[in-house]
C-alpha atoms as a PDB file:
ATOM      1  CA  UNK A   1      19.080   1.239  34.703  1.00  0.00           C
ATOM      2  CA  UNK A   2      20.129  -1.411  32.226  1.00  0.00           C
ATOM      3  CA  UNK A   3      19.847   0.354  28.845  1.00  0.00           C
ATOM      4  CA  UNK A   4      20.226  -1.012  25.321  1.00  0.00           C
ATOM      5  CA  UNK A   5      21.085   1.723  22.809  1.00  0.00           C
ATOM      6  CA  UNK A   6      20.604   0.939  19.118  1.00  0.00           C
ATOM      7  CA  UNK A   7      22.665   3.414  17.107  1.00  0.00           C
ATOM      8  CA  UNK A   8      21.291   4.162  13.655  1.00  0.00           C
ATOM      9  CA  UNK A   9      23.497   4.263  10.599  1.00  0.00           C
ATOM     10  CA  UNK A  10      23.666   8.059  10.884  1.00  0.00           C
ATOM     11  CA  UNK A  11      25.764   7.616  14.018  1.00  0.00           C
ATOM     12  CA  UNK A  12      28.488   6.156  11.819  1.00  0.00           C
ATOM     13  CA  UNK A  13      28.006   7.719   8.424  1.00  0.00           C
ATOM     14  CA  UNK A  14      25.778  10.541   7.272  1.00  0.00           C
ATOM     15  CA  UNK A  15      23.936  10.237   3.972  1.00  0.00           C
ATOM     16  CA  UNK A  16      26.101  11.338   1.081  1.00  0.00           C
ATOM     17  CA  UNK A  17      29.384  11.294   3.033  1.00  0.00           C
ATOM     18  CA  UNK A  18      32.338   9.356   1.604  1.00  0.00           C
ATOM     19  CA  UNK A  19      32.840   5.989   3.332  1.00  0.00           C
ATOM     20  CA  UNK A  20      36.190   7.011   4.791  1.00  0.00           C
ATOM     21  CA  UNK A  21      37.648   5.864   8.102  1.00  0.00           C
ATOM     22  CA  UNK A  22      38.078   9.511   9.148  1.00  0.00           C
ATOM     23  CA  UNK A  23      34.397  10.320   8.562  1.00  0.00           C
ATOM     24  CA  UNK A  24      33.264   7.262  10.476  1.00  0.00           C
ATOM     25  CA  UNK A  25      35.536   8.024  13.413  1.00  0.00           C
ATOM     26  CA  UNK A  26      34.302  11.608  13.596  1.00  0.00           C
ATOM     27  CA  UNK A  27      30.666  10.485  13.634  1.00  0.00           C
ATOM     28  CA  UNK A  28      31.388   7.849  16.282  1.00  0.00           C
ATOM     29  CA  UNK A  29      33.080  10.556  18.359  1.00  0.00           C
ATOM     30  CA  UNK A  30      29.900  12.650  18.234  1.00  0.00           C
ATOM     31  CA  UNK A  31      27.806   9.629  19.255  1.00  0.00           C
ATOM     32  CA  UNK A  32      30.218   8.820  22.079  1.00  0.00           C
ATOM     33  CA  UNK A  33      29.885  12.343  23.492  1.00  0.00           C
ATOM     34  CA  UNK A  34      26.143  11.816  23.846  1.00  0.00           C
ATOM     35  CA  UNK A  35      26.351   8.284  25.259  1.00  0.00           C
ATOM     36  CA  UNK A  36      28.986   9.318  27.812  1.00  0.00           C
ATOM     37  CA  UNK A  37      26.402  11.589  29.459  1.00  0.00           C
ATOM     38  CA  UNK A  38      24.222   8.649  30.469  1.00  0.00           C
ATOM     39  CA  UNK A  39      26.966   6.173  31.360  1.00  0.00           C
ATOM     40  CA  UNK A  40      27.368   7.075  35.064  1.00  0.00           C
ATOM     41  CA  UNK A  41      25.086   4.905  37.197  1.00  0.00           C
ATOM     42  CA  UNK A  42      23.715   2.848  34.299  1.00  0.00           C
ATOM     43  CA  UNK A  43      24.573  -0.454  32.621  1.00  0.00           C
ATOM     44  CA  UNK A  44      24.996   0.105  28.889  1.00  0.00           C
ATOM     45  CA  UNK A  45      24.779  -2.204  25.896  1.00  0.00           C
ATOM     46  CA  UNK A  46      25.379  -0.609  22.491  1.00  0.00           C
ATOM     47  CA  UNK A  47      24.198  -2.054  19.179  1.00  0.00           C
ATOM     48  CA  UNK A  48      24.728  -0.351  15.840  1.00  0.00           C
ATOM     49  CA  UNK A  49      24.003  -0.441  12.138  1.00  0.00           C
ATOM     50  CA  UNK A  50      26.528  -1.560   9.519  1.00  0.00           C
ATOM     51  CA  UNK A  51      24.797  -1.371   6.122  1.00  0.00           C
ATOM     52  CA  UNK A  52      27.192   1.093   4.450  1.00  0.00           C
ATOM     53  CA  UNK A  53      30.232  -0.697   5.880  1.00  0.00           C
ATOM     54  CA  UNK A  54      29.145  -4.158   4.696  1.00  0.00           C
ATOM     55  CA  UNK A  55      28.378  -2.747   1.261  1.00  0.00           C
ATOM     56  CA  UNK A  56      31.796  -1.092   1.060  1.00  0.00           C
ATOM     57  CA  UNK A  57      33.606  -4.308   2.020  1.00  0.00           C
ATOM     58  CA  UNK A  58      31.624  -6.199  -0.604  1.00  0.00           C
ATOM     59  CA  UNK A  59      32.624  -3.681  -3.272  1.00  0.00           C
ATOM     60  CA  UNK A  60      36.261  -3.779  -2.194  1.00  0.00           C
ATOM     61  CA  UNK A  61      36.187  -7.568  -2.270  1.00  0.00           C
ATOM     62  CA  UNK A  62      34.651  -7.597  -5.731  1.00  0.00           C
ATOM     63  CA  UNK A  63      37.513  -5.430  -6.998  1.00  0.00           C
ATOM     64  CA  UNK A  64      39.990  -8.201  -6.113  1.00  0.00           C
ATOM     65  CA  UNK A  65      39.209 -10.923  -8.602  1.00  0.00           C
ATOM     66  CA  UNK A  66      41.743 -13.544  -7.523  1.00  0.00           C
ATOM     67  CA  UNK A  67      39.214 -14.953  -5.032  1.00  0.00           C
ATOM     68  CA  UNK A  68      35.436 -14.759  -4.714  1.00  0.00           C
ATOM     69  CA  UNK A  69      33.944 -11.951  -2.642  1.00  0.00           C
ATOM     70  CA  UNK A  70      33.532 -12.979   0.985  1.00  0.00           C
ATOM     71  CA  UNK A  71      29.939 -13.799   2.030  1.00  0.00           C
ATOM     72  CA  UNK A  72      27.838 -11.292   3.961  1.00  0.00           C
ATOM     73  CA  UNK A  73      28.091 -13.144   7.287  1.00  0.00           C
ATOM     74  CA  UNK A  74      31.896 -12.861   7.194  1.00  0.00           C
ATOM     75  CA  UNK A  75      31.698  -9.201   6.155  1.00  0.00           C
ATOM     76  CA  UNK A  76      29.251  -8.598   9.019  1.00  0.00           C
ATOM     77  CA  UNK A  77      31.757 -10.072  11.460  1.00  0.00           C
ATOM     78  CA  UNK A  78      34.472  -7.802  10.076  1.00  0.00           C
ATOM     79  CA  UNK A  79      32.334  -4.700  10.530  1.00  0.00           C
ATOM     80  CA  UNK A  80      31.392  -5.666  14.099  1.00  0.00           C
ATOM     81  CA  UNK A  81      35.088  -5.651  14.980  1.00  0.00           C
ATOM     82  CA  UNK A  82      35.857  -2.428  13.133  1.00  0.00           C
ATOM     83  CA  UNK A  83      32.926  -0.409  14.446  1.00  0.00           C
ATOM     84  CA  UNK A  84      33.226  -1.842  17.951  1.00  0.00           C
ATOM     85  CA  UNK A  85      36.855  -0.734  18.022  1.00  0.00           C
ATOM     86  CA  UNK A  86      35.909   2.830  17.093  1.00  0.00           C
ATOM     87  CA  UNK A  87      33.121   2.998  19.693  1.00  0.00           C
ATOM     88  CA  UNK A  88      35.325   1.538  22.429  1.00  0.00           C
ATOM     89  CA  UNK A  89      38.138   3.967  21.740  1.00  0.00           C
ATOM     90  CA  UNK A  90      36.070   7.141  21.385  1.00  0.00           C
ATOM     91  CA  UNK A  91      33.832   6.384  24.373  1.00  0.00           C
ATOM     92  CA  UNK A  92      36.842   5.267  26.400  1.00  0.00           C
ATOM     93  CA  UNK A  93      38.489   8.639  25.775  1.00  0.00           C
ATOM     94  CA  UNK A  94      35.538  10.320  27.512  1.00  0.00           C
ATOM     95  CA  UNK A  95      34.927   8.033  30.486  1.00  0.00           C
ATOM     96  CA  UNK A  96      37.155   7.219  33.483  1.00  0.00           C
ATOM     97  CA  UNK A  97      39.987   4.833  32.681  1.00  0.00           C
ATOM     98  CA  UNK A  98      38.632   2.196  35.052  1.00  0.00           C
ATOM     99  CA  UNK A  99      35.464   1.711  32.952  1.00  0.00           C
ATOM    100  CA  UNK A 100      35.923  -1.556  30.999  1.00  0.00           C
ATOM    101  CA  UNK A 101      34.687  -2.157  27.451  1.00  0.00           C
ATOM    102  CA  UNK A 102      34.125  -5.277  25.372  1.00  0.00           C
ATOM    103  CA  UNK A 103      33.059  -5.813  21.773  1.00  0.00           C
ATOM    104  CA  UNK A 104      31.499  -9.209  21.104  1.00  0.00           C
ATOM    105  CA  UNK A 105      31.149 -10.880  17.737  1.00  0.00           C
ATOM    106  CA  UNK A 106      27.489 -11.828  17.971  1.00  0.00           C
ATOM    107  CA  UNK A 107      25.991 -14.770  16.093  1.00  0.00           C
ATOM    108  CA  UNK A 108      22.229 -14.620  15.633  1.00  0.00           C
ATOM    109  CA  UNK A 109      20.113 -17.545  14.476  1.00  0.00           C
ATOM    110  CA  UNK A 110      17.615 -17.104  11.647  1.00  0.00           C
ATOM    111  CA  UNK A 111      15.102 -19.481  10.090  1.00  0.00           C
ATOM    112  CA  UNK A 112      16.115 -20.981   6.743  1.00  0.00           C
ATOM    113  CA  UNK A 113      12.443 -20.862   5.708  1.00  0.00           C
ATOM    114  CA  UNK A 114      11.990 -17.191   6.601  1.00  0.00           C
ATOM    115  CA  UNK A 115       9.984 -15.596   3.735  1.00  0.00           C
ATOM    116  CA  UNK A 116      12.459 -12.702   3.688  1.00  0.00           C
ATOM    117  CA  UNK A 117      14.780 -14.856   1.595  1.00  0.00           C
ATOM    118  CA  UNK A 118      12.230 -14.686  -1.228  1.00  0.00           C
ATOM    119  CA  UNK A 119      11.837 -10.913  -0.952  1.00  0.00           C
ATOM    120  CA  UNK A 120      15.155  -9.063  -0.447  1.00  0.00           C
ATOM    121  CA  UNK A 121      14.490  -5.712   1.209  1.00  0.00           C
ATOM    122  CA  UNK A 122      17.447  -4.681   3.387  1.00  0.00           C
ATOM    123  CA  UNK A 123      19.544  -1.914   1.781  1.00  0.00           C
ATOM    124  CA  UNK A 124      23.330  -2.177   2.053  1.00  0.00           C
ATOM    125  CA  UNK A 125      26.201  -0.220   0.600  1.00  0.00           C
ATOM    126  CA  UNK A 126      26.217   3.200  -1.107  1.00  0.00           C
ATOM    127  CA  UNK A 127      23.477   4.794  -3.187  1.00  0.00           C
ATOM    128  CA  UNK A 128      23.661   4.777  -6.994  1.00  0.00           C
ATOM    129  CA  UNK A 129      22.066   6.561  -9.899  1.00  0.00           C
ATOM    130  CA  UNK A 130      19.507   4.322 -11.631  1.00  0.00           C
ATOM    131  CA  UNK A 131      21.654   3.435 -14.655  1.00  0.00           C
ATOM    132  CA  UNK A 132      24.654   2.505 -12.518  1.00  0.00           C
ATOM    133  CA  UNK A 133      22.486   0.453 -10.134  1.00  0.00           C
ATOM    134  CA  UNK A 134      20.948  -1.470 -13.040  1.00  0.00           C
ATOM    135  CA  UNK A 135      24.382  -2.136 -14.537  1.00  0.00           C
ATOM    136  CA  UNK A 136      25.705  -3.491 -11.223  1.00  0.00           C
ATOM    137  CA  UNK A 137      22.583  -5.575 -10.682  1.00  0.00           C
ATOM    138  CA  UNK A 138      22.992  -7.205 -14.089  1.00  0.00           C
ATOM    139  CA  UNK A 139      26.729  -7.672 -13.656  1.00  0.00           C
ATOM    140  CA  UNK A 140      26.740  -9.007 -10.093  1.00  0.00           C
ATOM    141  CA  UNK A 141      23.294 -10.599  -9.801  1.00  0.00           C
ATOM    142  CA  UNK A 142      22.163  -8.097  -7.171  1.00  0.00           C
ATOM    143  CA  UNK A 143      18.638  -7.131  -6.238  1.00  0.00           C
ATOM    144  CA  UNK A 144      18.197  -3.338  -6.183  1.00  0.00           C
ATOM    145  CA  UNK A 145      15.478  -1.028  -4.879  1.00  0.00           C
ATOM    146  CA  UNK A 146      14.774   2.727  -4.788  1.00  0.00           C
ATOM    147  CA  UNK A 147      16.293   4.713  -1.926  1.00  0.00           C
ATOM    148  CA  UNK A 148      14.923   8.237  -2.146  1.00  0.00           C
ATOM    149  CA  UNK A 149      15.669   9.461  -5.655  1.00  0.00           C
ATOM    150  CA  UNK A 150      18.451   6.903  -6.159  1.00  0.00           C
ATOM    151  CA  UNK A 151      18.983   3.143  -5.734  1.00  0.00           C
ATOM    152  CA  UNK A 152      20.784   0.702  -3.413  1.00  0.00           C
ATOM    153  CA  UNK A 153      21.521  -2.987  -3.322  1.00  0.00           C
ATOM    154  CA  UNK A 154      19.033  -4.943  -1.179  1.00  0.00           C
ATOM    155  CA  UNK A 155      19.481  -8.355   0.452  1.00  0.00           C
ATOM    156  CA  UNK A 156      17.339 -10.694   2.525  1.00  0.00           C
ATOM    157  CA  UNK A 157      16.529  -9.529   6.064  1.00  0.00           C
ATOM    158  CA  UNK A 158      15.235 -12.513   8.092  1.00  0.00           C
ATOM    159  CA  UNK A 159      13.924 -12.093  11.631  1.00  0.00           C
ATOM    160  CA  UNK A 160      16.324 -12.822  14.501  1.00  0.00           C
ATOM    161  CA  UNK A 161      15.401 -15.944  16.513  1.00  0.00           C
ATOM    162  CA  UNK A 162      18.185 -16.388  19.045  1.00  0.00           C
ATOM    163  CA  UNK A 163      21.301 -14.504  20.156  1.00  0.00           C
ATOM    164  CA  UNK A 164      23.974 -17.095  20.899  1.00  0.00           C
ATOM    165  CA  UNK A 165      26.272 -14.831  22.952  1.00  0.00           C
ATOM    166  CA  UNK A 166      23.571 -13.586  25.341  1.00  0.00           C
ATOM    167  CA  UNK A 167      25.173 -15.255  28.386  1.00  0.00           C
ATOM    168  CA  UNK A 168      28.603 -13.618  27.904  1.00  0.00           C
ATOM    169  CA  UNK A 169      26.858 -10.250  27.475  1.00  0.00           C
ATOM    170  CA  UNK A 170      25.126 -10.748  30.845  1.00  0.00           C
ATOM    171  CA  UNK A 171      28.363 -11.820  32.530  1.00  0.00           C
ATOM    172  CA  UNK A 172      30.168  -8.730  31.268  1.00  0.00           C
ATOM    173  CA  UNK A 173      27.371  -6.403  32.372  1.00  0.00           C
ATOM    174  CA  UNK A 174      27.480  -7.877  35.863  1.00  0.00           C
ATOM    175  CA  UNK A 175      31.149  -6.866  36.034  1.00  0.00           C
ATOM    176  CA  UNK A 176      30.407  -3.246  35.065  1.00  0.00           C
ATOM    177  CA  UNK A 177      31.488  -3.582  31.436  1.00  0.00           C
ATOM    178  CA  UNK A 178      30.042  -1.439  28.646  1.00  0.00           C
ATOM    179  CA  UNK A 179      29.260  -3.997  25.935  1.00  0.00           C
ATOM    180  CA  UNK A 180      29.125  -3.387  22.177  1.00  0.00           C
ATOM    181  CA  UNK A 181      27.356  -6.287  20.473  1.00  0.00           C
ATOM    182  CA  UNK A 182      24.804  -7.366  17.863  1.00  0.00           C
ATOM    183  CA  UNK A 183      26.318  -4.897  15.403  1.00  0.00           C
ATOM    184  CA  UNK A 184      24.373  -4.729  12.168  1.00  0.00           C
ATOM    185  CA  UNK A 185      21.730  -7.006  13.661  1.00  0.00           C
ATOM    186  CA  UNK A 186      24.344  -9.653  14.448  1.00  0.00           C
ATOM    187  CA  UNK A 187      26.009 -12.228  12.212  1.00  0.00           C
ATOM    188  CA  UNK A 188      23.227 -14.216  10.486  1.00  0.00           C
ATOM    189  CA  UNK A 189      23.559 -17.966  11.059  1.00  0.00           C
ATOM    190  CA  UNK A 190      21.410 -21.104  10.895  1.00  0.00           C
ATOM    191  CA  UNK A 191      21.689 -24.814  11.550  1.00  0.00           C
ATOM    192  CA  UNK A 192      22.234 -27.226   8.671  1.00  0.00           C
ATOM    193  CA  UNK A 193      22.510 -30.936   9.483  1.00  0.00           C
ATOM    194  CA  UNK A 194      23.325 -30.091  13.081  1.00  0.00           C
ATOM    195  CA  UNK A 195      26.093 -27.606  12.206  1.00  0.00           C
ATOM    196  CA  UNK A 196      25.889 -23.834  12.587  1.00  0.00           C
ATOM    197  CA  UNK A 197      26.701 -22.039   9.322  1.00  0.00           C
ATOM    198  CA  UNK A 198      26.684 -18.451   8.066  1.00  0.00           C
ATOM    199  CA  UNK A 199      23.843 -17.043   5.975  1.00  0.00           C
ATOM    200  CA  UNK A 200      23.941 -14.571   3.073  1.00  0.00           C
ATOM    201  CA  UNK A 201      21.670 -11.973   4.662  1.00  0.00           C
ATOM    202  CA  UNK A 202      21.558  -8.901   6.913  1.00  0.00           C
ATOM    203  CA  UNK A 203      19.342  -8.940  10.015  1.00  0.00           C
ATOM    204  CA  UNK A 204      17.503  -5.732  10.856  1.00  0.00           C
ATOM    205  CA  UNK A 205      19.477  -3.951  13.572  1.00  0.00           C
ATOM    206  CA  UNK A 206      16.426  -2.582  15.383  1.00  0.00           C
ATOM    207  CA  UNK A 207      14.594  -5.924  15.582  1.00  0.00           C
ATOM    208  CA  UNK A 208      17.744  -7.615  16.865  1.00  0.00           C
ATOM    209  CA  UNK A 209      18.247  -4.821  19.401  1.00  0.00           C
ATOM    210  CA  UNK A 210      14.691  -5.351  20.660  1.00  0.00           C
ATOM    211  CA  UNK A 211      15.349  -9.082  21.075  1.00  0.00           C
ATOM    212  CA  UNK A 212      18.671  -8.295  22.782  1.00  0.00           C
ATOM    213  CA  UNK A 213      17.000  -5.871  25.204  1.00  0.00           C
ATOM    214  CA  UNK A 214      14.253  -8.381  25.957  1.00  0.00           C
ATOM    215  CA  UNK A 215      16.671 -11.238  26.653  1.00  0.00           C
ATOM    216  CA  UNK A 216      18.843  -8.996  28.837  1.00  0.00           C
ATOM    217  CA  UNK A 217      15.794  -7.871  30.861  1.00  0.00           C
ATOM    218  CA  UNK A 218      16.736  -4.279  30.019  1.00  0.00           C
ATOM    219  CA  UNK A 219      14.858  -1.431  31.676  1.00  0.00           C
ATOM    220  CA  UNK A 220      14.885   0.729  28.551  1.00  0.00           C
ATOM    221  CA  UNK A 221      15.449   0.295  24.824  1.00  0.00           C
ATOM    222  CA  UNK A 222      16.626   3.457  23.079  1.00  0.00           C
ATOM    223  CA  UNK A 223      16.522   3.493  19.268  1.00  0.00           C
ATOM    224  CA  UNK A 224      18.701   6.454  18.333  1.00  0.00           C
ATOM    225  CA  UNK A 225      18.261   7.970  14.882  1.00  0.00           C
ATOM    226  CA  UNK A 226      18.540  11.351  13.144  1.00  0.00           C
ATOM    227  CA  UNK A 227      15.058  12.680  13.933  1.00  0.00           C
ATOM    228  CA  UNK A 228      13.683  13.801  17.279  1.00  0.00           C
ATOM    229  CA  UNK A 229      10.734  11.364  17.334  1.00  0.00           C
ATOM    230  CA  UNK A 230       8.436   9.219  15.226  1.00  0.00           C
ATOM    231  CA  UNK A 231       6.166  11.490  13.186  1.00  0.00           C
ATOM    232  CA  UNK A 232       2.873  11.124  11.407  1.00  0.00           C
ATOM    233  CA  UNK A 233       2.616  12.821   7.995  1.00  0.00           C
ATOM    234  CA  UNK A 234       6.409  13.057   7.864  1.00  0.00           C
ATOM    235  CA  UNK A 235       7.587  15.732   5.451  1.00  0.00           C
ATOM    236  CA  UNK A 236       4.148  17.302   5.079  1.00  0.00           C
ATOM    237  CA  UNK A 237       2.855  20.572   6.570  1.00  0.00           C
ATOM    238  CA  UNK A 238       0.619  18.458   8.817  1.00  0.00           C
ATOM    239  CA  UNK A 239       3.460  16.417  10.367  1.00  0.00           C
ATOM    240  CA  UNK A 240       3.229  15.861  14.126  1.00  0.00           C
ATOM    241  CA  UNK A 241       5.665  14.263  16.550  1.00  0.00           C
ATOM    242  CA  UNK A 242       4.372  11.408  18.669  1.00  0.00           C
ATOM    243  CA  UNK A 243       5.250  11.886  22.345  1.00  0.00           C
ATOM    244  CA  UNK A 244       3.974   8.574  23.711  1.00  0.00           C
ATOM    245  CA  UNK A 245       1.874   5.669  22.501  1.00  0.00           C
ATOM    246  CA  UNK A 246       0.548   2.227  23.304  1.00  0.00           C
ATOM    247  CA  UNK A 247       2.142  -0.286  20.904  1.00  0.00           C
ATOM    248  CA  UNK A 248      -1.222  -1.461  19.566  1.00  0.00           C
ATOM    249  CA  UNK A 249      -2.224   2.096  18.674  1.00  0.00           C
ATOM    250  CA  UNK A 250       1.167   2.968  17.211  1.00  0.00           C
ATOM    251  CA  UNK A 251       1.207  -0.042  14.899  1.00  0.00           C
ATOM    252  CA  UNK A 252      -2.076   1.089  13.352  1.00  0.00           C
ATOM    253  CA  UNK A 253      -0.185   3.980  11.741  1.00  0.00           C
ATOM    254  CA  UNK A 254       1.834   3.843   8.525  1.00  0.00           C
ATOM    255  CA  UNK A 255       5.616   4.321   8.632  1.00  0.00           C
ATOM    256  CA  UNK A 256       8.200   3.988   5.868  1.00  0.00           C
ATOM    257  CA  UNK A 257       9.373   0.389   5.527  1.00  0.00           C
ATOM    258  CA  UNK A 258      12.990   1.365   4.867  1.00  0.00           C
ATOM    259  CA  UNK A 259      13.432   3.849   7.707  1.00  0.00           C
ATOM    260  CA  UNK A 260      11.028   4.451  10.606  1.00  0.00           C
ATOM    261  CA  UNK A 261       8.932   1.303  10.054  1.00  0.00           C
ATOM    262  CA  UNK A 262      11.420  -1.206  11.553  1.00  0.00           C
ATOM    263  CA  UNK A 263      12.153   1.141  14.459  1.00  0.00           C
ATOM    264  CA  UNK A 264       8.463   1.396  15.349  1.00  0.00           C
ATOM    265  CA  UNK A 265       8.036  -2.355  15.003  1.00  0.00           C
ATOM    266  CA  UNK A 266      11.034  -3.029  17.253  1.00  0.00           C
ATOM    267  CA  UNK A 267       9.877  -0.546  19.891  1.00  0.00           C
ATOM    268  CA  UNK A 268       6.384  -2.032  19.901  1.00  0.00           C
ATOM    269  CA  UNK A 269       7.636  -5.596  20.200  1.00  0.00           C
ATOM    270  CA  UNK A 270       9.923  -4.788  23.125  1.00  0.00           C
ATOM    271  CA  UNK A 271       7.203  -2.825  24.942  1.00  0.00           C
ATOM    272  CA  UNK A 272       4.592  -5.514  24.349  1.00  0.00           C
ATOM    273  CA  UNK A 273       6.807  -8.450  25.361  1.00  0.00           C
ATOM    274  CA  UNK A 274       8.326  -6.879  28.471  1.00  0.00           C
ATOM    275  CA  UNK A 275       5.986  -4.200  29.810  1.00  0.00           C
ATOM    276  CA  UNK A 276       8.994  -1.833  29.756  1.00  0.00           C
ATOM    277  CA  UNK A 277       9.531   1.383  27.787  1.00  0.00           C
ATOM    278  CA  UNK A 278      11.100   1.699  24.342  1.00  0.00           C
ATOM    279  CA  UNK A 279      11.969   5.130  22.985  1.00  0.00           C
ATOM    280  CA  UNK A 280      12.736   6.420  19.487  1.00  0.00           C
ATOM    281  CA  UNK A 281      14.536   9.727  19.135  1.00  0.00           C
ATOM    282  CA  UNK A 282      17.562  11.721  18.148  1.00  0.00           C
ATOM    283  CA  UNK A 283      21.015  10.758  19.306  1.00  0.00           C
ATOM    284  CA  UNK A 284      21.475  14.409  20.284  1.00  0.00           C
ATOM    285  CA  UNK A 285      18.549  14.051  22.720  1.00  0.00           C
ATOM    286  CA  UNK A 286      19.673  10.797  24.311  1.00  0.00           C
ATOM    287  CA  UNK A 287      20.044  12.284  27.801  1.00  0.00           C
ATOM    288  CA  UNK A 288      16.475  13.646  27.688  1.00  0.00           C
ATOM    289  CA  UNK A 289      15.225  10.321  26.311  1.00  0.00           C
ATOM    290  CA  UNK A 290      16.735   8.424  29.242  1.00  0.00           C
ATOM    291  CA  UNK A 291      15.247  10.966  31.641  1.00  0.00           C
ATOM    292  CA  UNK A 292      11.820  10.422  30.057  1.00  0.00           C
ATOM    293  CA  UNK A 293      11.416  13.854  28.497  1.00  0.00           C
ATOM    294  CA  UNK A 294      12.476  13.268  24.885  1.00  0.00           C
ATOM    295  CA  UNK A 295      11.664  11.153  21.865  1.00  0.00           C
ATOM    296  CA  UNK A 296       8.658   8.934  21.212  1.00  0.00           C
ATOM    297  CA  UNK A 297       8.027   6.660  24.195  1.00  0.00           C
ATOM    298  CA  UNK A 298       6.221   3.358  23.655  1.00  0.00           C
ATOM    299  CA  UNK A 299       4.726   1.355  26.512  1.00  0.00           C
ATOM    300  CA  UNK A 300       1.727  -0.831  27.333  1.00  0.00           C
ATOM    301  CA  UNK A 301       1.262   1.520  30.286  1.00  0.00           C
ATOM    302  CA  UNK A 302       0.150   4.294  27.932  1.00  0.00           C
ATOM    303  CA  UNK A 303      -3.248   4.585  26.279  1.00  0.00           C
ATOM    304  CA  UNK A 304      -3.748   5.512  22.646  1.00  0.00           C
ATOM    305  CA  UNK A 305      -1.425   8.080  21.087  1.00  0.00           C
ATOM    306  CA  UNK A 306      -0.373  11.445  22.472  1.00  0.00           C
ATOM    307  CA  UNK A 307       1.343  14.064  20.324  1.00  0.00           C
ATOM    308  CA  UNK A 308       3.932  16.659  21.292  1.00  0.00           C
ATOM    309  CA  UNK A 309       2.693  20.197  21.731  1.00  0.00           C
END
């Protein structure tokens, strides 16, 4: 099968962990161990989140006051290279030496008139206590929003329209290459007076992964996160895991906008547009997800919603 795997931020950095290179490498190593199990016989494309990494680079840049902090599109490009390097190396240490890898800087077009620019919602960087978040917002002109019991910086998250490097991704797949691309939802760009320019935004990784999987004619989209499935009543005694669902039925339910909501939306869009299966589940269960026995599976071939026993 041709499989697109969208790695959640937990694959790179667990909540509350210091943003160190050692921590990120260790988490990538764990992710690579799971992905290596499904590599034989399949074509793999790996996308990933980058919110904490972009936020860290922005903070580091702000600490050097000789020049202005680099814009988010440039920081996104930097993180694509850094994270792609870690994934290539750790996965390459587990697979036969003849398996080729490639990390592609991936430019993604967005609409300048996207309403997301008027309503920043995408969290980036570390979490802060309220007082510290408010001080930074006033000092740096940030927008901030609650994240659990603390706060994070939020930026615009426009919808992806077009992935410019889709043809090179296809060419590499046809040569048996494992491709890492569209990291962090890709590098946000738009046309201005006929020229392509960068945009101060972060594209949602899951929505971009769904578009990537659709344009690659992938057989399966796997959205890997830190929970075993999409749940209703999450965190309550009545919570139930969803085993499979039709996208129309699934989108009638309520999911948190900052966590499971975009994953459900992305899975539904891919399933609806392609007639293929999208699955949401734990990275630890990725082998079972690919085999069809794990996670929440979304397809137009299903009816209604079915819950796990």
